[in-house]
C-alpha atoms as a PDB file:
ATOM      1  CA  MET A   1     197.115 128.215  77.877  1.00  0.00           C
ATOM      2  CA  PRO A   2     194.592 128.808  80.535  1.00  0.00           C
ATOM      3  CA  ARG A   3     194.769 132.268  82.092  1.00  0.00           C
ATOM      4  CA  PRO A   4     196.627 132.383  85.468  1.00  0.00           C
ATOM      5  CA  GLN A   5     194.849 132.440  88.669  1.00  0.00           C
ATOM      6  CA  ARG A   6     195.173 135.520  90.884  1.00  0.00           C
ATOM      7  CA  ILE A   7     197.860 135.576  93.507  1.00  0.00           C
ATOM      8  CA  GLU A   8     196.299 136.803  96.663  1.00  0.00           C
ATOM      9  CA  TYR A   9     198.136 137.312 100.155  1.00  0.00           C
ATOM     10  CA  GLU A  10     197.772 139.552 102.896  1.00  0.00           C
ATOM     11  CA  HIS A  11     199.126 143.342 102.006  1.00  0.00           C
ATOM     12  CA  ALA A  12     199.463 142.482  98.555  1.00  0.00           C
ATOM     13  CA  PHE A  13     199.719 145.496  96.386  1.00  0.00           C
ATOM     14  CA  TYR A  14     198.291 145.545  92.784  1.00  0.00           C
ATOM     15  CA  HIS A  15     197.760 147.603  89.606  1.00  0.00           C
ATOM     16  CA  VAL A  16     194.204 146.772  88.397  1.00  0.00           C
ATOM     17  CA  MET A  17     193.062 147.893  84.986  1.00  0.00           C
ATOM     18  CA  ASN A  18     190.002 147.319  83.116  1.00  0.00           C
ATOM     19  CA  ARG A  19     188.216 148.863  80.043  1.00  0.00           C
ATOM     20  CA  GLY A  20     185.074 149.151  78.288  1.00  0.00           C
ATOM     21  CA  ARG A  21     183.695 146.516  75.999  1.00  0.00           C
ATOM     22  CA  GLY A  22     184.928 147.111  72.436  1.00  0.00           C
ATOM     23  CA  ARG A  23     186.938 150.131  73.881  1.00  0.00           C
ATOM     24  CA  GLN A  24     183.408 151.678  74.484  1.00  0.00           C
ATOM     25  CA  ASN A  25     183.426 154.774  76.885  1.00  0.00           C
ATOM     26  CA  THR A  26     182.920 153.852  80.560  1.00  0.00           C
ATOM     27  CA  PHE A  27     182.787 157.361  81.831  1.00  0.00           C
ATOM     28  CA  HIS A  28     180.859 160.077  79.827  1.00  0.00           C
ATOM     29  CA  ASP A  29     180.655 163.125  82.067  1.00  0.00           C
ATOM     30  CA  GLU A  30     180.991 164.110  85.658  1.00  0.00           C
ATOM     31  CA  LEU A  31     178.294 161.932  87.300  1.00  0.00           C
ATOM     32  CA  TYR A  32     179.705 158.967  85.596  1.00  0.00           C
ATOM     33  CA  PHE A  33     183.095 159.647  87.226  1.00  0.00           C
ATOM     34  CA  GLN A  34     181.477 160.509  90.547  1.00  0.00           C
ATOM     35  CA  ALA A  35     179.670 157.408  90.456  1.00  0.00           C
ATOM     36  CA  PHE A  36     182.895 155.322  90.118  1.00  0.00           C
ATOM     37  CA  LEU A  37     184.538 157.309  92.900  1.00  0.00           C
ATOM     38  CA  THR A  38     181.791 156.523  95.166  1.00  0.00           C
ATOM     39  CA  THR A  39     182.037 152.739  94.393  1.00  0.00           C
ATOM     40  CA  LEU A  40     185.744 153.196  95.333  1.00  0.00           C
ATOM     41  CA  GLY A  41     185.024 154.560  98.594  1.00  0.00           C
ATOM     42  CA  GLU A  42     182.270 151.974  99.289  1.00  0.00           C
ATOM     43  CA  ALA A  43     184.662 149.072  98.449  1.00  0.00           C
ATOM     44  CA  GLN A  44     187.373 150.593 100.629  1.00  0.00           C
ATOM     45  CA  ALA A  45     184.959 150.959 103.607  1.00  0.00           C
ATOM     46  CA  ARG A  46     183.272 147.176 103.230  1.00  0.00           C
ATOM     47  CA  PHE A  47     186.377 145.323 102.551  1.00  0.00           C
ATOM     48  CA  ASP A  48     188.944 147.246 104.213  1.00  0.00           C
ATOM     49  CA  CYS A  49     191.057 147.554 100.972  1.00  0.00           C
ATOM     50  CA  VAL A  50     193.821 150.445 100.596  1.00  0.00           C
ATOM     51  CA  ILE A  51     193.550 152.651  97.763  1.00  0.00           C
ATOM     52  CA  HIS A  52     196.952 154.304  97.225  1.00  0.00           C
ATOM     53  CA  ALA A  53     196.338 156.059  93.705  1.00  0.00           C
ATOM     54  CA  TYR A  54     193.471 155.882  90.960  1.00  0.00           C
ATOM     55  CA  CYS A  55     193.165 157.236  87.614  1.00  0.00           C
ATOM     56  CA  LEU A  56     189.781 157.351  85.448  1.00  0.00           C
ATOM     57  CA  MET A  57     190.237 157.841  81.674  1.00  0.00           C
ATOM     58  CA  THR A  58     187.406 157.782  79.121  1.00  0.00           C
ATOM     59  CA  ASN A  59     187.304 154.066  78.377  1.00  0.00           C
ATOM     60  CA  HIS A  60     189.280 152.704  81.287  1.00  0.00           C
ATOM     61  CA  TYR A  61     190.499 152.961  84.399  1.00  0.00           C
ATOM     62  CA  HIS A  62     193.789 152.402  86.905  1.00  0.00           C
ATOM     63  CA  LEU A  63     193.863 151.715  90.543  1.00  0.00           C
ATOM     64  CA  LEU A  64     196.875 151.093  92.858  1.00  0.00           C
ATOM     65  CA  ILE A  65     195.076 148.646  95.631  1.00  0.00           C
ATOM     66  CA  GLU A  66     196.698 147.078  98.713  1.00  0.00           C
ATOM     67  CA  THR A  67     194.752 144.242 100.107  1.00  0.00           C
ATOM     68  CA  PRO A  68     195.584 143.785 103.951  1.00  0.00           C
ATOM     69  CA  LYS A  69     192.793 140.777 104.015  1.00  0.00           C
ATOM     70  CA  ALA A  70     193.890 139.187 100.534  1.00  0.00           C
ATOM     71  CA  ASN A  71     190.596 139.571  99.066  1.00  0.00           C
ATOM     72  CA  LEU A  72     191.119 141.291  95.857  1.00  0.00           C
ATOM     73  CA  GLY A  73     188.634 139.229  93.810  1.00  0.00           C
ATOM     74  CA  ARG A  74     185.672 140.500  96.199  1.00  0.00           C
ATOM     75  CA  VAL A  75     186.853 143.935  96.058  1.00  0.00           C
ATOM     76  CA  MET A  76     186.973 144.092  92.368  1.00  0.00           C
ATOM     77  CA  ARG A  77     183.716 142.074  92.011  1.00  0.00           C
ATOM     78  CA  HIS A  78     182.118 144.878  94.030  1.00  0.00           C
ATOM     79  CA  ILE A  79     183.726 147.826  92.178  1.00  0.00           C
ATOM     80  CA  ASN A  80     183.079 146.552  88.664  1.00  0.00           C
ATOM     81  CA  GLY A  81     179.636 145.182  89.309  1.00  0.00           C
ATOM     82  CA  VAL A  82     178.293 147.900  91.375  1.00  0.00           C
ATOM     83  CA  TYR A  83     179.776 150.586  89.046  1.00  0.00           C
ATOM     84  CA  THR A  84     178.172 148.697  86.189  1.00  0.00           C
ATOM     85  CA  GLN A  85     174.864 148.852  87.623  1.00  0.00           C
ATOM     86  CA  ARG A  86     175.110 152.414  88.275  1.00  0.00           C
ATOM     87  CA  TYR A  87     176.450 152.948  84.842  1.00  0.00           C
ATOM     88  CA  ASN A  88     173.154 151.194  83.188  1.00  0.00           C
ATOM     89  CA  LYS A  89     171.041 153.340  85.461  1.00  0.00           C
ATOM     90  CA  LEU A  90     172.368 156.689  84.435  1.00  0.00           C
ATOM     91  CA  LYS A  91     172.323 155.494  80.658  1.00  0.00           C
ATOM     92  CA  HIS A  92     169.161 153.517  80.858  1.00  0.00           C
ATOM     93  CA  THR A  93     171.030 150.559  79.528  1.00  0.00           C
ATOM     94  CA  ASP A  94     171.416 146.933  80.692  1.00  0.00           C
ATOM     95  CA  GLY A  95     174.149 144.149  80.096  1.00  0.00           C
ATOM     96  CA  PRO A  96     177.888 144.142  80.866  1.00  0.00           C
ATOM     97  CA  LEU A  97     179.976 147.281  80.678  1.00  0.00           C
ATOM     98  CA  PHE A  98     183.466 146.147  81.042  1.00  0.00           C
ATOM     99  CA  ARG A  99     185.528 143.886  78.298  1.00  0.00           C
ATOM    100  CA  GLY A 100     185.582 140.995  80.937  1.00  0.00           C
ATOM    101  CA  ARG A 101     188.344 139.965  83.404  1.00  0.00           C
ATOM    102  CA  TYR A 102     190.121 142.954  84.791  1.00  0.00           C
ATOM    103  CA  LYS A 103     193.982 142.909  84.670  1.00  0.00           C
ATOM    104  CA  ALA A 104     195.689 142.886  88.016  1.00  0.00           C
ATOM    105  CA  ILE A 105     199.415 143.028  88.343  1.00  0.00           C
ATOM    106  CA  LEU A 106     201.018 142.161  91.623  1.00  0.00           C
ATOM    107  CA  VAL A 107     203.397 144.736  92.561  1.00  0.00           C
ATOM    108  CA  GLU A 108     206.817 144.909  94.506  1.00  0.00           C
ATOM    109  CA  LYS A 109     206.459 147.468  97.215  1.00  0.00           C
ATOM    110  CA  ASN A 110     208.983 150.469  97.456  1.00  0.00           C
ATOM    111  CA  GLU A 111     210.808 151.269  94.385  1.00  0.00           C
ATOM    112  CA  TYR A 112     208.072 149.846  91.966  1.00  0.00           C
ATOM    113  CA  LEU A 113     205.354 150.978  93.912  1.00  0.00           C
ATOM    114  CA  LEU A 114     206.472 154.725  93.684  1.00  0.00           C
ATOM    115  CA  GLN A 115     207.179 154.351  89.742  1.00  0.00           C
ATOM    116  CA  LEU A 116     203.833 152.745  89.329  1.00  0.00           C
ATOM    117  CA  SER A 117     201.941 155.822  91.174  1.00  0.00           C
ATOM    118  CA  ARG A 118     203.697 158.148  88.740  1.00  0.00           C
ATOM    119  CA  TYR A 119     202.894 155.851  85.642  1.00  0.00           C
ATOM    120  CA  ILE A 120     199.142 156.001  86.661  1.00  0.00           C
ATOM    121  CA  HIS A 121     199.064 159.709  87.363  1.00  0.00           C
ATOM    122  CA  ARG A 122     200.746 160.249  84.190  1.00  0.00           C
ATOM    123  CA  ASN A 123     198.111 158.684  81.749  1.00  0.00           C
ATOM    124  CA  PRO A 124     196.158 161.836  81.101  1.00  0.00           C
ATOM    125  CA  ILE A 125     199.269 163.327  79.115  1.00  0.00           C
ATOM    126  CA  ASP A 126     201.348 160.236  78.110  1.00  0.00           C
ATOM    127  CA  MET A 127     198.899 159.512  75.105  1.00  0.00           C
ATOM    128  CA  THR A 128     198.947 160.531  71.600  1.00  0.00           C
ATOM    129  CA  MET A 129     196.391 163.162  72.281  1.00  0.00           C
ATOM    130  CA  PRO A 130     196.815 164.333  75.801  1.00  0.00           C
ATOM    131  CA  LEU A 131     193.741 165.177  77.829  1.00  0.00           C
ATOM    132  CA  VAL A 132     195.089 168.191  79.930  1.00  0.00           C
ATOM    133  CA  ASP A 133     198.343 170.448  79.317  1.00  0.00           C
ATOM    134  CA  ASP A 134     198.889 170.211  83.164  1.00  0.00           C
ATOM    135  CA  LEU A 135     198.076 167.142  85.089  1.00  0.00           C
ATOM    136  CA  ALA A 136     196.983 169.223  88.118  1.00  0.00           C
ATOM    137  CA  HIS A 137     194.078 170.163  86.245  1.00  0.00           C
ATOM    138  CA  TYR A 138     192.810 166.568  85.527  1.00  0.00           C
ATOM    139  CA  PRO A 139     190.193 165.947  87.854  1.00  0.00           C
ATOM    140  CA  TRP A 140     189.746 162.342  87.910  1.00  0.00           C
ATOM    141  CA  SER A 141     192.665 161.141  89.228  1.00  0.00           C
ATOM    142  CA  SER A 142     194.382 161.476  92.689  1.00  0.00           C
ATOM    143  CA  TYR A 143     197.245 163.307  91.384  1.00  0.00           C
ATOM    144  CA  PRO A 144     195.897 166.685  92.401  1.00  0.00           C
ATOM    145  CA  ALA A 145     195.616 165.196  95.891  1.00  0.00           C
ATOM    146  CA  TYR A 146     198.944 164.057  95.964  1.00  0.00           C
ATOM    147  CA  ILE A 147     200.278 167.627  95.257  1.00  0.00           C
ATOM    148  CA  GLY A 148     197.931 169.253  97.745  1.00  0.00           C
ATOM    149  CA  LYS A 149     195.782 171.138  95.098  1.00  0.00           C
ATOM    150  CA  VAL A 150     192.655 169.377  96.236  1.00  0.00           C
ATOM    151  CA  LYS A 151     191.282 167.941  99.357  1.00  0.00           C
ATOM    152  CA  PRO A 152     191.797 164.233  99.204  1.00  0.00           C
ATOM    153  CA  PRO A 153     188.701 161.732  99.731  1.00  0.00           C
ATOM    154  CA  GLU A 154     188.866 160.162 103.071  1.00  0.00           C
ATOM    155  CA  TRP A 155     189.258 156.476 101.440  1.00  0.00           C
ATOM    156  CA  LEU A 156     192.581 157.787  99.680  1.00  0.00           C
ATOM    157  CA  THR A 157     195.787 156.799 101.194  1.00  0.00           C
ATOM    158  CA  ARG A 158     198.793 158.887 100.294  1.00  0.00           C
ATOM    159  CA  ASP A 159     201.217 158.658 103.212  1.00  0.00           C
ATOM    160  CA  PHE A 160     203.001 155.287 102.192  1.00  0.00           C
ATOM    161  CA  THR A 161     203.862 156.612  98.741  1.00  0.00           C
ATOM    162  CA  TYR A 162     205.351 159.832 100.370  1.00  0.00           C
ATOM    163  CA  GLN A 163     207.177 157.534 102.856  1.00  0.00           C
ATOM    164  CA  ILE A 164     208.607 155.592 100.184  1.00  0.00           C
ATOM    165  CA  GLN A 165     209.910 158.798  98.420  1.00  0.00           C
ATOM    166  CA  GLY A 166     211.473 160.139 101.793  1.00  0.00           C
ATOM    167  CA  HIS A 167     211.015 163.757 101.258  1.00  0.00           C
ATOM    168  CA  ARG A 168     210.093 166.407 103.840  1.00  0.00           C
ATOM    169  CA  HIS A 169     208.376 168.458 101.156  1.00  0.00           C
ATOM    170  CA  LYS A 170     205.837 165.856  99.873  1.00  0.00           C
ATOM    171  CA  PHE A 171     203.703 167.850  97.746  1.00  0.00           C
ATOM    172  CA  LYS A 172     206.574 169.706  95.887  1.00  0.00           C
ATOM    173  CA  GLN A 173     208.686 166.657  95.640  1.00  0.00           C
ATOM    174  CA  TYR A 174     206.180 164.487  94.478  1.00  0.00           C
ATOM    175  CA  LYS A 175     205.212 166.953  91.654  1.00  0.00           C
ATOM    176  CA  ALA A 176     208.806 167.273  90.501  1.00  0.00           C
ATOM    177  CA  TYR A 177     208.896 163.447  90.467  1.00  0.00           C
ATOM    178  CA  VAL A 178     205.794 162.962  88.559  1.00  0.00           C
ATOM    179  CA  LEU A 179     206.680 165.536  85.870  1.00  0.00           C
ATOM    180  CA  ARG A 180     210.196 164.139  85.415  1.00  0.00           C
ATOM    181  CA  GLY A 181     208.156 161.174  83.141  1.00  0.00           C
ATOM    182  CA  SER A 182     207.847 157.488  83.454  1.00  0.00           C
ATOM    183  CA  SER A 183     211.011 155.067  83.536  1.00  0.00           C
ATOM    184  CA  ASP A 184     212.038 153.495  80.757  1.00  0.00           C
ATOM    185  CA  GLY A 185     211.958 150.139  82.277  1.00  0.00           C
ATOM    186  CA  LEU A 186     208.304 150.749  83.304  1.00  0.00           C
ATOM    187  CA  THR A 187     207.088 152.023  80.216  1.00  0.00           C
ATOM    188  CA  ASP A 188     208.777 149.053  78.173  1.00  0.00           C
ATOM    189  CA  PHE A 189     207.065 146.620  80.759  1.00  0.00           C
ATOM    190  CA  TYR A 190     203.416 148.059  79.877  1.00  0.00           C
ATOM    191  CA  ASP A 191     204.172 148.449  76.100  1.00  0.00           C
ATOM    192  CA  LYS A 192     204.418 144.308  75.855  1.00  0.00           C
ATOM    193  CA  GLY A 193     201.702 142.566  74.079  1.00  0.00           C
ATOM    194  CA  ASN A 194     201.536 140.194  76.953  1.00  0.00           C
ATOM    195  CA  ILE A 195     202.016 142.088  80.184  1.00  0.00           C
ATOM    196  CA  ALA A 196     203.202 139.809  83.070  1.00  0.00           C
ATOM    197  CA  SER A 197     201.163 139.123  86.034  1.00  0.00           C
ATOM    198  CA  VAL A 198     203.952 140.352  88.390  1.00  0.00           C
ATOM    199  CA  LEU A 199     206.032 143.795  88.566  1.00  0.00           C
ATOM    200  CA  GLY A 200     209.177 143.320  90.749  1.00  0.00           C
ATOM    201  CA  SER A 201     212.683 142.188  91.221  1.00  0.00           C
ATOM    202  CA  ASP A 202     214.107 138.876  90.664  1.00  0.00           C
ATOM    203  CA  GLY A 203     214.285 138.514  94.389  1.00  0.00           C
ATOM    204  CA  PHE A 204     210.647 139.261  94.569  1.00  0.00           C
ATOM    205  CA  LYS A 205     209.767 136.851  92.123  1.00  0.00           C
ATOM    206  CA  ARG A 206     211.638 134.165  93.920  1.00  0.00           C
ATOM    207  CA  TRP A 207     209.865 134.911  96.958  1.00  0.00           C
ATOM    208  CA  LEU A 208     206.354 134.304  95.065  1.00  0.00           C
ATOM    209  CA  LYS A 209     207.747 131.094  93.637  1.00  0.00           C
ATOM    210  CA  ASN A 210     208.846 129.854  96.957  1.00  0.00           C
ATOM    211  CA  THR A 211     205.978 130.963  99.056  1.00  0.00           C
ATOM    212  CA  GLN A 212     202.810 131.975  97.302  1.00  0.00           C
ATOM    213  CA  LEU A 213     203.211 129.359  94.096  1.00  0.00           C
ATOM    214  CA  MET A 214     205.106 126.723  96.147  1.00  0.00           C
ATOM    215  CA  ASN A 215     202.380 124.112  95.751  1.00  0.00           C
ATOM    216  CA  SER A 216     201.436 125.326  92.035  1.00  0.00           C
ATOM    217  CA  PRO A 217     202.074 123.313  88.981  1.00  0.00           C
ATOM    218  CA  GLU A 218     204.951 124.425  86.497  1.00  0.00           C
ATOM    219  CA  PRO A 219     202.685 125.987  84.017  1.00  0.00           C
ATOM    220  CA  LYS A 220     201.020 128.306  86.728  1.00  0.00           C
ATOM    221  CA  VAL A 221     204.389 129.511  87.907  1.00  0.00           C
ATOM    222  CA  LEU A 222     205.563 130.379  84.556  1.00  0.00           C
ATOM    223  CA  GLN A 223     202.353 132.078  83.492  1.00  0.00           C
ATOM    224  CA  GLN A 224     202.531 134.349  86.623  1.00  0.00           C
ATOM    225  CA  LEU A 225     206.296 135.057  86.557  1.00  0.00           C
ATOM    226  CA  LYS A 226     207.259 135.278  82.813  1.00  0.00           C
ATOM    227  CA  PRO A 227     204.125 134.688  80.389  1.00  0.00           C
ATOM    228  CA  ASP A 228     206.300 135.809  77.229  1.00  0.00           C
ATOM    229  CA  ILE A 229     208.987 132.831  77.586  1.00  0.00           C
ATOM    230  CA  SER A 230     210.095 131.360  74.465  1.00  0.00           C
ATOM    231  CA  MET A 231     211.017 127.834  73.653  1.00  0.00           C
ATOM    232  CA  ASN A 232     214.584 128.898  73.088  1.00  0.00           C
ATOM    233  CA  GLU A 233     214.801 130.141  76.556  1.00  0.00           C
ATOM    234  CA  VAL A 234     213.752 126.942  78.075  1.00  0.00           C
ATOM    235  CA  VAL A 235     215.920 124.787  75.988  1.00  0.00           C
ATOM    236  CA  MET A 236     218.849 127.100  76.811  1.00  0.00           C
ATOM    237  CA  ALA A 237     218.274 126.457  80.257  1.00  0.00           C
ATOM    238  CA  VAL A 238     218.192 122.938  80.034  1.00  0.00           C
ATOM    239  CA  ALA A 239     221.064 122.766  78.279  1.00  0.00           C
ATOM    240  CA  ASP A 240     222.600 124.669  80.924  1.00  0.00           C
ATOM    241  CA  TYR A 241     221.412 122.271  83.479  1.00  0.00           C
ATOM    242  CA  TYR A 242     222.683 119.365  81.665  1.00  0.00           C
ATOM    243  CA  ALA A 243     226.257 121.384  80.836  1.00  0.00           C
ATOM    244  CA  CYS A 244     226.021 120.540  77.239  1.00  0.00           C
ATOM    245  CA  PRO A 245     225.980 122.551  74.153  1.00  0.00           C
ATOM    246  CA  LEU A 246     222.704 123.705  72.840  1.00  0.00           C
ATOM    247  CA  SER A 247     223.280 121.577  69.632  1.00  0.00           C
ATOM    248  CA  LYS A 248     222.783 118.358  71.654  1.00  0.00           C
ATOM    249  CA  ILE A 249     219.557 119.374  72.648  1.00  0.00           C
ATOM    250  CA  THR A 250     218.264 120.648  69.315  1.00  0.00           C
ATOM    251  CA  SER A 251     219.878 118.169  66.746  1.00  0.00           C
ATOM    252  CA  VAL A 252     218.880 114.879  65.846  1.00  0.00           C
ATOM    253  CA  LEU A 253     221.360 112.528  67.505  1.00  0.00           C
ATOM    254  CA  LYS A 254     222.882 109.225  66.162  1.00  0.00           C
ATOM    255  CA  GLY A 255     225.343 106.880  67.893  1.00  0.00           C
ATOM    256  CA  PRO A 256     225.673 106.843  71.768  1.00  0.00           C
ATOM    257  CA  SER A 257     224.028 109.950  72.204  1.00  0.00           C
ATOM    258  CA  LYS A 258     220.754 108.921  70.424  1.00  0.00           C
ATOM    259  CA  GLY A 259     218.720 108.682  73.400  1.00  0.00           C
ATOM    260  CA  PHE A 260     220.000 111.676  75.518  1.00  0.00           C
ATOM    261  CA  GLU A 261     217.948 112.397  78.177  1.00  0.00           C
ATOM    262  CA  GLY A 262     218.318 116.377  77.994  1.00  0.00           C
ATOM    263  CA  ARG A 263     217.056 116.426  74.706  1.00  0.00           C
ATOM    264  CA  LYS A 264     213.737 114.479  75.725  1.00  0.00           C
ATOM    265  CA  VAL A 265     213.399 116.748  78.840  1.00  0.00           C
ATOM    266  CA  ALA A 266     213.460 120.021  76.783  1.00  0.00           C
ATOM    267  CA  MET A 267     210.432 118.580  74.644  1.00  0.00           C
ATOM    268  CA  TYR A 268     208.451 117.745  77.774  1.00  0.00           C
ATOM    269  CA  PHE A 269     209.024 121.195  79.211  1.00  0.00           C
ATOM    270  CA  CYS A 270     208.362 122.894  75.885  1.00  0.00           C
ATOM    271  CA  GLN A 271     204.975 121.072  75.887  1.00  0.00           C
ATOM    272  CA  GLU A 272     204.192 120.646  79.531  1.00  0.00           C
ATOM    273  CA  VAL A 273     204.921 124.200  80.805  1.00  0.00           C
ATOM    274  CA  LEU A 274     204.496 126.281  77.615  1.00  0.00           C
ATOM    275  CA  ALA A 275     201.764 124.720  75.962  1.00  0.00           C
ATOM    276  CA  GLU A 276     203.663 124.763  72.683  1.00  0.00           C
ATOM    277  CA  LYS A 277     202.151 123.112  69.551  1.00  0.00           C
ATOM    278  CA  LEU A 278     203.642 119.670  68.876  1.00  0.00           C
ATOM    279  CA  SER A 279     204.275 120.723  65.401  1.00  0.00           C
ATOM    280  CA  ASN A 280     206.173 123.833  66.777  1.00  0.00           C
ATOM    281  CA  ILE A 281     208.062 121.323  68.986  1.00  0.00           C
ATOM    282  CA  ALA A 282     208.814 119.095  66.003  1.00  0.00           C
ATOM    283  CA  GLU A 283     210.119 121.972  63.967  1.00  0.00           C
ATOM    284  CA  TYR A 284     212.504 123.373  66.759  1.00  0.00           C
ATOM    285  CA  PHE A 285     213.963 120.202  67.300  1.00  0.00           C
ATOM    286  CA  ASN A 286     214.260 119.157  63.844  1.00  0.00           C
ATOM    287  CA  LEU A 287     212.045 116.187  63.848  1.00  0.00           C
ATOM    288  CA  GLY A 288     210.366 115.052  60.726  1.00  0.00           C
ATOM    289  CA  HIS A 289     206.722 114.419  62.547  1.00  0.00           C
ATOM    290  CA  SER A 290     204.829 115.866  65.452  1.00  0.00           C
ATOM    291  CA  GLY A 291     203.891 112.162  66.584  1.00  0.00           C
ATOM    292  CA  SER A 292     207.698 111.790  67.884  1.00  0.00           C
ATOM    293  CA  VAL A 293     207.222 114.646  70.146  1.00  0.00           C
ATOM    294  CA  SER A 294     203.928 113.189  71.447  1.00  0.00           C
ATOM    295  CA  PHE A 295     205.598 109.879  71.833  1.00  0.00           C
ATOM    296  CA  ILE A 296     208.674 111.385  73.487  1.00  0.00           C
ATOM    297  CA  THR A 297     206.864 113.405  75.851  1.00  0.00           C
ATOM    298  CA  HIS A 298     204.336 110.712  76.764  1.00  0.00           C
ATOM    299  CA  GLN A 299     207.626 108.653  77.986  1.00  0.00           C
ATOM    300  CA  ILE A 300     208.903 111.340  80.061  1.00  0.00           C
ATOM    301  CA  ARG A 301     205.449 111.909  81.958  1.00  0.00           C
ATOM    302  CA  LYS A 302     204.988 108.337  82.470  1.00  0.00           C
ATOM    303  CA  LYS A 303     208.499 107.985  83.903  1.00  0.00           C
ATOM    304  CA  ARG A 304     207.878 110.870  86.092  1.00  0.00           C
ATOM    305  CA  ARG A 305     204.531 109.317  87.603  1.00  0.00           C
ATOM    306  CA  GLU A 306     206.584 106.001  88.136  1.00  0.00           C
ATOM    307  CA  ASP A 307     210.086 107.280  89.238  1.00  0.00           C
ATOM    308  CA  LYS A 308     210.035 109.312  92.505  1.00  0.00           C
ATOM    309  CA  GLN A 309     213.740 110.001  91.723  1.00  0.00           C
ATOM    310  CA  PHE A 310     213.330 111.177  88.242  1.00  0.00           C
ATOM    311  CA  SER A 311     210.501 113.430  89.353  1.00  0.00           C
ATOM    312  CA  LYS A 312     212.600 115.088  91.833  1.00  0.00           C
ATOM    313  CA  GLN A 313     215.172 115.651  89.077  1.00  0.00           C
ATOM    314  CA  LEU A 314     212.805 117.205  86.881  1.00  0.00           C
ATOM    315  CA  ASP A 315     211.534 119.487  89.717  1.00  0.00           C
ATOM    316  CA  ALA A 316     215.244 120.384  89.830  1.00  0.00           C
ATOM    317  CA  ILE A 317     215.550 121.087  86.230  1.00  0.00           C
ATOM    318  CA  PHE A 318     212.611 123.363  86.589  1.00  0.00           C
ATOM    319  CA  ASP A 319     213.923 125.165  89.244  1.00  0.00           C
ATOM    320  CA  SER A 320     217.181 125.525  87.148  1.00  0.00           C
ATOM    321  CA  ILE A 321     214.981 127.149  84.504  1.00  0.00           C
ATOM    322  CA  MET A 322     213.261 129.377  86.771  1.00  0.00           C
ATOM    323  CA  LYS A 323     216.756 130.779  88.032  1.00  0.00           C
ATOM    324  CA  GLU A 324     217.803 131.372  84.373  1.00  0.00           C
ATOM    325  CA  LEU A 325     214.410 133.262  83.712  1.00  0.00           C
ATOM    326  CA  ILE A 326     214.036 135.301  86.647  1.00  0.00           C
END
């Protein structure tokens, strides 16, 4: 399945990550760290982005960025491109530095944003071999500035995070919050092999679907909101829509139910939305040959093009799938 396009809109918040090619180091000493921070400051001034938090590790970085002008792509082209130039000049090398496309997770504000700032700041100690004993002593993250230990750079914004936390003693309270450790839910989210493109509540995901993804094709919607969806989840959602037992969808039918529409529609969504292999679909639906799947899904696509009412029905079924999954 092709990689999903970025969701960009005014005042969106993102957790942006990237690492060196082949896990090579992207920061070797103070000169490299400072060069990246200088690049961050330039990006903030030039593109009016808001940098809420950062943490630079040996071979990767984490940023928490807000884009009032819906221009994350331009911001990151500057950050990755200009820093690569500066790295090559310092290292006397040439060529690409980062592994390729940066990972950008769209983040819901308020609760998730506060948790994410903590997750980012805890990176130097939440690892097999911690880089420091005390996070306050790690100079290449915004955490020391958040707890008042150092003067923050002019381009770093902290007040929004303090406001979410809602405490008067912002330095002390934020320090206590970070030292309590990351939430299990957030850790589980990032431990998944295929990290979703959205970190937020079900309501936030529904808002994205109905606004930012309103005119997007079905595969893109699922790529963004639930990239690790399984065939079983899709088929169960289709069975719920048709108010039938799962066996009526997955079993080879004979008699009056032989041409049951729900079974065909479930195969269609497994191929069209999940881009699942025909052989896997045939095995799941207990068919002897993948050609049967190809014939059935071709029928559904043809009927969708020719029958507006049926097309609307498939849209409704997809909405039902989304309600089951987010």
